């Protein structure tokens, strides 16, 4: 009789251990899935190249909206991108178009891909090193949209009426981790 009781207790212990192990595996799988979704580490090995031509006019503008004069695009300000969280190179240019609209152009951009990357105009000074990684959301900034690709030439429409004198830099900003991948101080030409 004692032997039957010991066997029953052992079977019950094995079932409890099995349920605990199954529960632990389910929790571990959920944590792994959430972590992979949040970090998206595969993006570090994926490149997205964009090759947009320099715009000649904003697609929604008409000549009656008050042209900016001139016969072609002109560079209003520009700067070279420096590296922050990830190695980043290229040139950022503020371009004035003949119809009076403006665009931010990233030329020869080369940075890492990542989750939730944005292009921001900011009033923050561009600082080299770790001290410059997190300053761009401390003051005034405007998002021009998601980064189209981590390599190549790309254009971002600047909202009409935005006072460009309020913004002195551009950053490739990772909104998920609140960190700059790279940035450029914009200087007039």
Protein backbone atom coordinates (compact mmCIF):
# COMPACT_ATOMS: atom_id res chain seq x y z
CA UNK A 1 0.00 0.00 0.00
CA UNK A 2 2.83 2.40 0.82
CA UNK A 3 4.38 1.57 -2.55
CA UNK A 4 1.19 2.60 -4.39
CA UNK A 5 1.11 5.89 -2.49
CA UNK A 6 4.77 6.62 -3.38
CA UNK A 7 4.09 5.85 -7.05
CA UNK A 8 1.07 8.16 -7.09
CA UNK A 9 3.06 10.97 -5.46
CA UNK A 10 5.87 10.52 -7.98
CA UNK A 11 3.42 10.67 -10.91
CA UNK A 12 1.84 13.84 -9.43
CA UNK A 13 5.30 15.44 -9.01
CA UNK A 14 6.20 14.62 -12.63
CA UNK A 15 2.96 16.19 -13.86
CA UNK A 16 3.57 19.36 -11.81
CA UNK A 17 7.14 19.60 -13.10
CA UNK A 18 5.92 19.08 -16.65
CA UNK A 19 3.36 21.90 -16.26
CA UNK A 20 5.99 24.19 -14.74
CA UNK A 21 8.40 23.47 -17.58
CA UNK A 22 5.67 24.02 -20.19
CA UNK A 23 4.66 27.29 -18.51
CA UNK A 24 8.27 28.45 -18.36
CA UNK A 25 8.76 27.63 -22.06
CA UNK A 26 5.61 29.57 -23.01
CA UNK A 27 6.75 32.61 -20.98
CA UNK A 28 10.27 32.40 -22.44
CA UNK A 29 8.85 32.18 -25.97
CA UNK A 30 6.63 35.22 -25.38
CA UNK A 31 9.54 37.24 -23.95
CA UNK A 32 11.75 36.24 -26.89
CA UNK A 33 9.02 37.19 -29.40
CA UNK A 34 8.43 40.58 -27.78
CA UNK A 35 12.19 41.21 -27.59
CA UNK A 36 12.69 40.38 -31.25
CA UNK A 37 9.78 42.62 -32.26
CA UNK A 38 11.08 45.51 -30.13
CA UNK A 39 14.78 45.29 -31.10
CA UNK A 40 14.38 44.06 -34.71
CA UNK A 41 18.04 42.95 -34.82
CA UNK A 42 17.74 41.58 -38.37
CA UNK A 43 17.54 45.17 -39.66
CA UNK A 44 21.24 45.61 -38.86
CA UNK A 45 21.96 43.24 -41.76
CA UNK A 46 19.33 44.58 -44.16
CA UNK A 47 20.08 47.58 -46.36
CA UNK A 48 17.46 49.68 -48.10
CA UNK A 49 18.90 51.87 -50.88
CA UNK A 50 16.92 54.84 -52.19
CA UNK A 51 17.88 56.76 -55.35
CA UNK A 52 15.54 59.74 -55.64
CA UNK A 53 16.34 62.51 -58.12
CA UNK A 54 16.69 66.07 -56.93
CA UNK A 55 13.18 67.53 -57.09
CA UNK A 56 12.46 70.42 -59.43
CA UNK A 57 9.15 71.38 -57.82
CA UNK A 58 6.88 70.13 -55.07
CA UNK A 59 4.38 67.63 -56.49
CA UNK A 60 1.28 69.41 -55.06
CA UNK A 61 2.28 73.01 -55.84
CA UNK A 62 1.26 75.17 -58.74
CA UNK A 63 2.96 78.28 -60.16
CA UNK A 64 0.11 80.40 -58.76
CA UNK A 65 1.18 79.64 -55.16
CA UNK A 66 3.93 82.23 -55.22
CA UNK A 67 7.18 81.09 -56.77
CA UNK A 68 10.49 81.49 -55.05
CA UNK A 69 12.16 82.93 -58.14
CA UNK A 70 15.03 81.42 -60.08
CA UNK A 71 15.04 78.70 -62.65
CA UNK A 72 16.05 75.68 -60.60
CA UNK A 73 16.62 74.26 -57.14
CA UNK A 74 19.08 76.14 -54.92
CA UNK A 75 20.85 75.02 -51.77
CA UNK A 76 19.81 77.14 -48.78
CA UNK A 77 21.94 75.35 -46.15
CA UNK A 78 23.90 72.13 -45.86
CA UNK A 79 26.11 70.06 -43.60
CA UNK A 80 27.98 66.79 -43.40
CA UNK A 81 26.52 63.99 -41.32
CA UNK A 82 28.57 62.76 -38.38
CA UNK A 83 28.24 59.44 -36.58
CA UNK A 84 26.46 58.97 -33.29
CA UNK A 85 25.00 55.61 -32.20
CA UNK A 86 25.88 54.10 -35.61
CA UNK A 87 28.43 55.02 -38.26
CA UNK A 88 26.72 57.59 -40.49
CA UNK A 89 28.03 59.54 -43.48
CA UNK A 90 26.55 61.71 -46.20
CA UNK A 91 25.34 65.27 -46.76
CA UNK A 92 22.13 66.98 -45.64
CA UNK A 93 20.90 69.89 -47.78
CA UNK A 94 17.99 72.27 -47.42
CA UNK A 95 16.84 72.92 -50.99
CA UNK A 96 14.63 75.80 -52.15
CA UNK A 97 12.58 74.97 -55.23
CA UNK A 98 11.46 77.44 -57.94
CA UNK A 99 7.82 77.26 -56.77
CA UNK A 100 8.80 78.42 -53.25
CA UNK A 101 8.54 74.98 -51.62
CA UNK A 102 11.49 73.47 -49.76
CA UNK A 103 12.85 70.00 -49.25
CA UNK A 104 15.51 68.32 -47.15
CA UNK A 105 17.78 66.19 -49.30
CA UNK A 106 20.05 63.48 -47.93
CA UNK A 107 22.81 62.67 -50.43
CA UNK A 108 25.13 59.68 -50.33
CA UNK A 109 23.58 58.62 -47.03
CA UNK A 110 25.17 55.57 -45.47
CA UNK A 111 24.03 54.47 -42.00
CA UNK A 112 22.78 51.37 -40.26
CA UNK A 113 19.20 50.30 -40.63
CA UNK A 114 17.14 50.13 -37.47
CA UNK A 115 13.66 50.17 -35.99
CA UNK A 116 11.52 53.30 -36.23
CA UNK A 117 14.09 55.64 -37.84
CA UNK A 118 12.92 59.19 -38.52
CA UNK A 119 14.36 62.31 -40.16
CA UNK A 120 14.12 65.34 -37.90
CA UNK A 121 14.96 69.01 -38.23
CA UNK A 122 15.99 70.27 -34.77
CA UNK A 123 17.31 73.29 -32.92
CA UNK A 124 19.90 71.21 -31.05
CA UNK A 125 23.61 71.72 -31.62
CA UNK A 126 25.40 68.78 -33.17
CA UNK A 127 27.89 67.30 -30.70
CA UNK A 128 30.35 64.56 -31.48
CA UNK A 129 30.57 61.44 -29.34
CA UNK A 130 28.17 59.94 -26.83
CA UNK A 131 27.26 63.41 -25.51
CA UNK A 132 25.49 64.15 -28.80
CA UNK A 133 23.42 60.98 -29.04
CA UNK A 134 20.35 62.02 -27.07
CA UNK A 135 20.11 65.84 -27.32
CA UNK A 136 17.79 66.21 -30.32
CA UNK A 137 14.48 65.67 -28.51
CA UNK A 138 15.38 68.12 -25.71
CA UNK A 139 14.26 71.22 -27.60
CA UNK A 140 12.37 72.10 -30.74
CA UNK A 141 12.15 69.53 -33.52
CA UNK A 142 9.90 68.56 -36.42
CA UNK A 143 9.69 65.11 -37.97
CA UNK A 144 9.85 65.00 -41.75
CA UNK A 145 8.83 61.35 -41.77
CA UNK A 146 10.25 57.86 -41.65
CA UNK A 147 13.73 57.33 -43.07
CA UNK A 148 13.09 55.95 -46.57
CA UNK A 149 16.28 53.91 -46.69
CA UNK A 150 19.59 53.68 -44.88
CA UNK A 151 21.59 54.26 -48.06
CA UNK A 152 21.40 56.54 -51.06
CA UNK A 153 19.82 59.86 -52.05
CA UNK A 154 16.40 60.84 -50.72
CA UNK A 155 14.10 63.86 -50.36
CA UNK A 156 11.80 64.96 -47.53
CA UNK A 157 9.21 67.69 -48.03
CA UNK A 158 9.51 70.53 -45.52
CA UNK A 159 6.06 71.69 -44.37
CA UNK A 160 4.94 75.00 -45.87
CA UNK A 161 5.20 77.84 -43.40
CA UNK A 162 7.89 76.16 -41.29
CA UNK A 163 10.39 78.80 -40.18
CA UNK A 164 13.73 77.24 -41.11
CA UNK A 165 15.63 79.78 -39.00
CA UNK A 166 14.26 77.91 -35.92
CA UNK A 167 16.15 74.75 -36.91
CA UNK A 168 19.92 74.42 -37.08
CA UNK A 169 20.48 70.69 -37.56
CA UNK A 170 19.12 67.44 -38.95
CA UNK A 171 19.27 64.04 -37.30
CA UNK A 172 18.53 60.45 -38.26
CA UNK A 173 16.58 59.68 -35.08
CA UNK A 174 15.66 56.26 -33.70
CA UNK A 175 12.28 56.97 -32.11
CA UNK A 176 12.16 53.51 -30.54
CA UNK A 177 15.30 54.06 -28.43
CA UNK A 178 15.45 57.90 -28.37
CA UNK A 179 18.92 58.08 -29.89
CA UNK A 180 20.54 59.73 -32.90
CA UNK A 181 22.18 57.47 -35.46
CA UNK A 182 23.88 60.52 -37.02
CA UNK A 183 23.37 64.25 -37.43
CA UNK A 184 24.51 67.32 -39.40
CA UNK A 185 24.79 70.97 -38.46
CA UNK A 186 23.14 73.04 -41.20
CA UNK A 187 25.01 76.14 -42.37
CA UNK A 188 23.85 78.64 -45.00
CA UNK A 189 25.60 78.73 -48.36
